[in-house]
Amino acid sequence: MDLGQIGNLIEALLWMSIGAAFFVSLRRPSWRRMKLAAGITFGVFGVTDVVEAWAGSMTDWLIAWKAVCVGVLFVLLMLYTRSSRSKKR
């Protein structure tokens, strides 16, 4: 295993840990669906790094897969921001 593969696996562990943190926070009822979606998305994003370590390089479909995950996380962030602002009013 080279340094790039080890780095990808460490990065995968980071993203999956963030996803797990969202699942742990599901015990609180607020934002439950959004936390579930974020947890799944971070977990899937972590899987892309495992696939990248296994494949040894970035391919077009892997870049697209990562882009979809980032897009979903961006939409979740926008929805959360909009909802939290309207709750403060």
N, C-alpha and C. Protein backbone atom coordinates (compact mmCIF):
# COMPACT_ATOMS: atom_id res chain seq x y z
N MET A 1 0.85 -1.18 0.00
CA MET A 1 0.00 0.00 0.00
C MET A 1 0.89 1.24 0.00
N ASP A 2 0.61 2.15 -0.90
CA ASP A 2 1.42 3.37 -0.94
C ASP A 2 0.78 4.47 -0.09
N LEU A 3 1.48 5.59 0.00
CA LEU A 3 1.05 6.69 0.86
C LEU A 3 -0.30 7.26 0.40
N GLY A 4 -0.55 7.33 -0.91
CA GLY A 4 -1.82 7.85 -1.43
C GLY A 4 -3.00 6.99 -1.01
N GLN A 5 -2.83 5.68 -1.05
CA GLN A 5 -3.90 4.78 -0.64
C GLN A 5 -4.18 4.89 0.86
N ILE A 6 -3.11 4.99 1.64
CA ILE A 6 -3.28 5.15 3.08
C ILE A 6 -4.00 6.46 3.38
N GLY A 7 -3.62 7.52 2.68
CA GLY A 7 -4.29 8.81 2.86
C GLY A 7 -5.77 8.74 2.52
N ASN A 8 -6.10 8.03 1.43
CA ASN A 8 -7.51 7.89 1.06
C ASN A 8 -8.29 7.10 2.11
N LEU A 9 -7.67 6.09 2.68
CA LEU A 9 -8.36 5.31 3.70
C LEU A 9 -8.55 6.11 4.98
N ILE A 10 -7.58 6.93 5.33
CA ILE A 10 -7.73 7.81 6.49
C ILE A 10 -8.84 8.83 6.24
N GLU A 11 -8.87 9.37 5.03
CA GLU A 11 -9.93 10.33 4.66
C GLU A 11 -11.30 9.65 4.70
N ALA A 12 -11.37 8.42 4.22
CA ALA A 12 -12.63 7.67 4.26
C ALA A 12 -13.10 7.49 5.70
N LEU A 13 -12.16 7.18 6.58
CA LEU A 13 -12.51 7.03 7.99
C LEU A 13 -13.04 8.33 8.57
N LEU A 14 -12.45 9.45 8.18
CA LEU A 14 -12.92 10.76 8.64
C LEU A 14 -14.36 11.00 8.20
N TRP A 15 -14.65 10.83 6.90
CA TRP A 15 -16.01 11.10 6.39
C TRP A 15 -17.02 10.14 7.01
N MET A 16 -16.65 8.88 7.16
CA MET A 16 -17.58 7.92 7.76
C MET A 16 -17.81 8.22 9.24
N SER A 17 -16.80 8.74 9.92
CA SER A 17 -16.96 9.13 11.33
C SER A 17 -17.92 10.31 11.46
N ILE A 18 -17.82 11.26 10.54
CA ILE A 18 -18.76 12.38 10.54
C ILE A 18 -20.17 11.87 10.29
N GLY A 19 -20.32 10.94 9.35
CA GLY A 19 -21.62 10.34 9.09
C GLY A 19 -22.17 9.63 10.32
N ALA A 20 -21.30 8.91 11.02
CA ALA A 20 -21.72 8.21 12.24
C ALA A 20 -22.15 9.20 13.32
N ALA A 21 -21.48 10.34 13.39
CA ALA A 21 -21.87 11.36 14.37
C ALA A 21 -23.28 11.87 14.09
N PHE A 22 -23.63 12.01 12.81
CA PHE A 22 -24.99 12.42 12.48
C PHE A 22 -25.99 11.35 12.92
N PHE A 23 -25.64 10.07 12.76
CA PHE A 23 -26.55 9.00 13.19
C PHE A 23 -26.72 8.98 14.70
N VAL A 24 -25.65 9.25 15.44
CA VAL A 24 -25.74 9.31 16.90
C VAL A 24 -26.65 10.45 17.33
N SER A 25 -26.60 11.56 16.59
CA SER A 25 -27.42 12.71 16.96
C SER A 25 -28.89 12.54 16.60
N LEU A 26 -29.26 11.41 16.00
CA LEU A 26 -30.66 11.17 15.64
C LEU A 26 -31.55 10.96 16.86
N ARG A 27 -30.95 10.74 18.01
CA ARG A 27 -31.75 10.56 19.23
C ARG A 27 -32.57 11.79 19.56
N ARG A 28 -32.01 12.96 19.22
CA ARG A 28 -32.77 14.20 19.42
C ARG A 28 -33.71 14.38 18.24
N PRO A 29 -34.95 14.76 18.50
CA PRO A 29 -35.94 14.80 17.42
C PRO A 29 -35.77 15.94 16.40
N SER A 30 -35.04 16.99 16.74
CA SER A 30 -34.96 18.11 15.82
C SER A 30 -34.09 17.77 14.61
N TRP A 31 -34.55 18.17 13.45
CA TRP A 31 -33.83 17.99 12.18
C TRP A 31 -33.55 16.52 11.86
N ARG A 32 -34.38 15.62 12.29
CA ARG A 32 -34.10 14.18 12.16
C ARG A 32 -33.90 13.74 10.72
N ARG A 33 -34.78 14.15 9.81
CA ARG A 33 -34.63 13.72 8.40
C ARG A 33 -33.36 14.29 7.78
N MET A 34 -33.06 15.54 8.11
CA MET A 34 -31.87 16.18 7.55
C MET A 34 -30.60 15.51 8.08
N LYS A 35 -30.60 15.16 9.37
CA LYS A 35 -29.45 14.47 9.95
C LYS A 35 -29.27 13.08 9.33
N LEU A 36 -30.37 12.40 9.09
CA LEU A 36 -30.31 11.09 8.46
C LEU A 36 -29.73 11.19 7.06
N ALA A 37 -30.21 12.15 6.28
CA ALA A 37 -29.70 12.35 4.92
C ALA A 37 -28.22 12.73 4.95
N ALA A 38 -27.82 13.58 5.88
CA ALA A 38 -26.42 13.98 5.97
C ALA A 38 -25.55 12.80 6.39
N GLY A 39 -26.01 12.01 7.32
CA GLY A 39 -25.25 10.84 7.76
C GLY A 39 -25.02 9.84 6.64
N ILE A 40 -26.07 9.57 5.89
CA ILE A 40 -25.95 8.66 4.76
C ILE A 40 -25.01 9.23 3.70
N THR A 41 -25.15 10.52 3.41
CA THR A 41 -24.33 11.14 2.38
C THR A 41 -22.86 11.16 2.77
N PHE A 42 -22.55 11.51 4.02
CA PHE A 42 -21.15 11.48 4.47
C PHE A 42 -20.60 10.05 4.42
N GLY A 43 -21.41 9.07 4.78
CA GLY A 43 -20.97 7.68 4.70
C GLY A 43 -20.66 7.26 3.27
N VAL A 44 -21.55 7.61 2.35
CA VAL A 44 -21.33 7.29 0.93
C VAL A 44 -20.11 8.03 0.40
N PHE A 45 -19.92 9.27 0.84
CA PHE A 45 -18.74 10.03 0.43
C PHE A 45 -17.47 9.34 0.92
N GLY A 46 -17.52 8.77 2.11
CA GLY A 46 -16.38 8.01 2.62
C GLY A 46 -16.10 6.77 1.78
N VAL A 47 -17.16 6.13 1.31
CA VAL A 47 -17.01 4.96 0.45
C VAL A 47 -16.28 5.33 -0.84
N THR A 48 -16.49 6.54 -1.35
CA THR A 48 -15.80 6.95 -2.57
C THR A 48 -14.29 6.98 -2.36
N ASP A 49 -13.85 7.32 -1.16
CA ASP A 49 -12.41 7.31 -0.89
C ASP A 49 -11.87 5.89 -0.79
N VAL A 50 -12.67 4.97 -0.27
CA VAL A 50 -12.26 3.56 -0.24
C VAL A 50 -12.13 3.04 -1.67
N VAL A 51 -13.10 3.37 -2.52
CA VAL A 51 -13.05 2.96 -3.92
C VAL A 51 -11.84 3.57 -4.62
N GLU A 52 -11.57 4.84 -4.32
CA GLU A 52 -10.40 5.51 -4.91
C GLU A 52 -9.10 4.83 -4.48
N ALA A 53 -9.00 4.44 -3.22
CA ALA A 53 -7.80 3.75 -2.74
C ALA A 53 -7.66 2.39 -3.43
N TRP A 54 -8.77 1.71 -3.62
CA TRP A 54 -8.75 0.40 -4.26
C TRP A 54 -8.44 0.51 -5.75
N ALA A 55 -9.04 1.51 -6.42
CA ALA A 55 -8.83 1.68 -7.86
C ALA A 55 -7.46 2.28 -8.16
N GLY A 56 -6.93 3.05 -7.24
CA GLY A 56 -5.63 3.64 -7.43
C GLY A 56 -5.63 4.97 -8.14
N SER A 57 -6.77 5.39 -8.64
CA SER A 57 -6.83 6.69 -9.32
C SER A 57 -8.28 7.16 -9.39
N MET A 58 -8.42 8.42 -9.75
CA MET A 58 -9.76 9.00 -9.93
C MET A 58 -10.23 8.71 -11.36
N THR A 59 -11.44 8.25 -11.47
CA THR A 59 -12.04 8.04 -12.79
C THR A 59 -13.19 9.03 -12.94
N ASP A 60 -13.69 9.13 -14.15
CA ASP A 60 -14.79 10.07 -14.40
C ASP A 60 -16.02 9.74 -13.55
N TRP A 61 -16.36 8.47 -13.44
CA TRP A 61 -17.55 8.11 -12.68
C TRP A 61 -17.33 8.35 -11.19
N LEU A 62 -16.08 8.21 -10.71
CA LEU A 62 -15.81 8.47 -9.31
C LEU A 62 -15.89 9.97 -9.01
N ILE A 63 -15.42 10.78 -9.92
CA ILE A 63 -15.54 12.24 -9.76
C ILE A 63 -17.02 12.63 -9.74
N ALA A 64 -17.82 12.02 -10.63
CA ALA A 64 -19.25 12.31 -10.66
C ALA A 64 -19.93 11.88 -9.37
N TRP A 65 -19.54 10.73 -8.85
CA TRP A 65 -20.09 10.21 -7.60
C TRP A 65 -19.78 11.17 -6.45
N LYS A 66 -18.54 11.64 -6.37
CA LYS A 66 -18.16 12.60 -5.33
C LYS A 66 -18.91 13.91 -5.50
N ALA A 67 -19.07 14.36 -6.75
CA ALA A 67 -19.78 15.61 -7.02
C ALA A 67 -21.23 15.53 -6.58
N VAL A 68 -21.86 14.40 -6.80
CA VAL A 68 -23.25 14.22 -6.36
C VAL A 68 -23.33 14.31 -4.83
N CYS A 69 -22.39 13.67 -4.15
CA CYS A 69 -22.38 13.74 -2.68
C CYS A 69 -22.20 15.17 -2.19
N VAL A 70 -21.27 15.89 -2.79
CA VAL A 70 -21.04 17.29 -2.40
C VAL A 70 -22.28 18.12 -2.70
N GLY A 71 -22.93 17.86 -3.84
CA GLY A 71 -24.15 18.58 -4.18
C GLY A 71 -25.26 18.35 -3.17
N VAL A 72 -25.43 17.10 -2.75
CA VAL A 72 -26.46 16.78 -1.75
C VAL A 72 -26.14 17.48 -0.44
N LEU A 73 -24.89 17.45 -0.02
CA LEU A 73 -24.51 18.13 1.22
C LEU A 73 -24.73 19.63 1.12
N PHE A 74 -24.48 20.21 -0.04
CA PHE A 74 -24.71 21.65 -0.23
C PHE A 74 -26.20 21.97 -0.13
N VAL A 75 -27.04 21.15 -0.76
CA VAL A 75 -28.49 21.37 -0.68
C VAL A 75 -28.97 21.23 0.77
N LEU A 76 -28.46 20.23 1.49
CA LEU A 76 -28.84 20.07 2.89
C LEU A 76 -28.42 21.28 3.72
N LEU A 77 -27.24 21.81 3.45
CA LEU A 77 -26.79 23.00 4.16
C LEU A 77 -27.70 24.19 3.88
N MET A 78 -28.09 24.37 2.62
CA MET A 78 -28.98 25.48 2.27
C MET A 78 -30.35 25.31 2.94
N LEU A 79 -30.88 24.10 2.93
CA LEU A 79 -32.17 23.85 3.58
C LEU A 79 -32.10 24.09 5.08
N TYR A 80 -31.02 23.64 5.69
CA TYR A 80 -30.84 23.86 7.13
C TYR A 80 -30.73 25.35 7.44
N THR A 81 -29.95 26.06 6.65
CA THR A 81 -29.77 27.50 6.88
C THR A 81 -31.09 28.23 6.74
N ARG A 82 -31.83 27.90 5.70
CA ARG A 82 -33.13 28.55 5.47
C ARG A 82 -34.10 28.23 6.61
N SER A 83 -34.15 26.98 7.03
CA SER A 83 -35.08 26.58 8.08
C SER A 83 -34.72 27.18 9.43
N SER A 84 -33.42 27.22 9.73
CA SER A 84 -33.02 27.77 11.02
C SER A 84 -33.25 29.27 11.09
N ARG A 85 -33.11 29.95 9.97
CA ARG A 85 -33.40 31.39 9.96
C ARG A 85 -34.88 31.67 10.16
N SER A 86 -35.73 30.84 9.53
CA SER A 86 -37.17 31.06 9.67
C SER A 86 -37.64 30.69 11.08
N LYS A 87 -36.99 29.76 11.76
CA LYS A 87 -37.36 29.41 13.13
C LYS A 87 -37.00 30.50 14.11
N LYS A 88 -35.96 31.28 13.81
CA LYS A 88 -35.52 32.35 14.71
C LYS A 88 -36.47 33.54 14.66
N ARG A 89 -37.20 33.66 13.60
CA ARG A 89 -38.11 34.80 13.47
C ARG A 89 -39.35 34.63 14.26
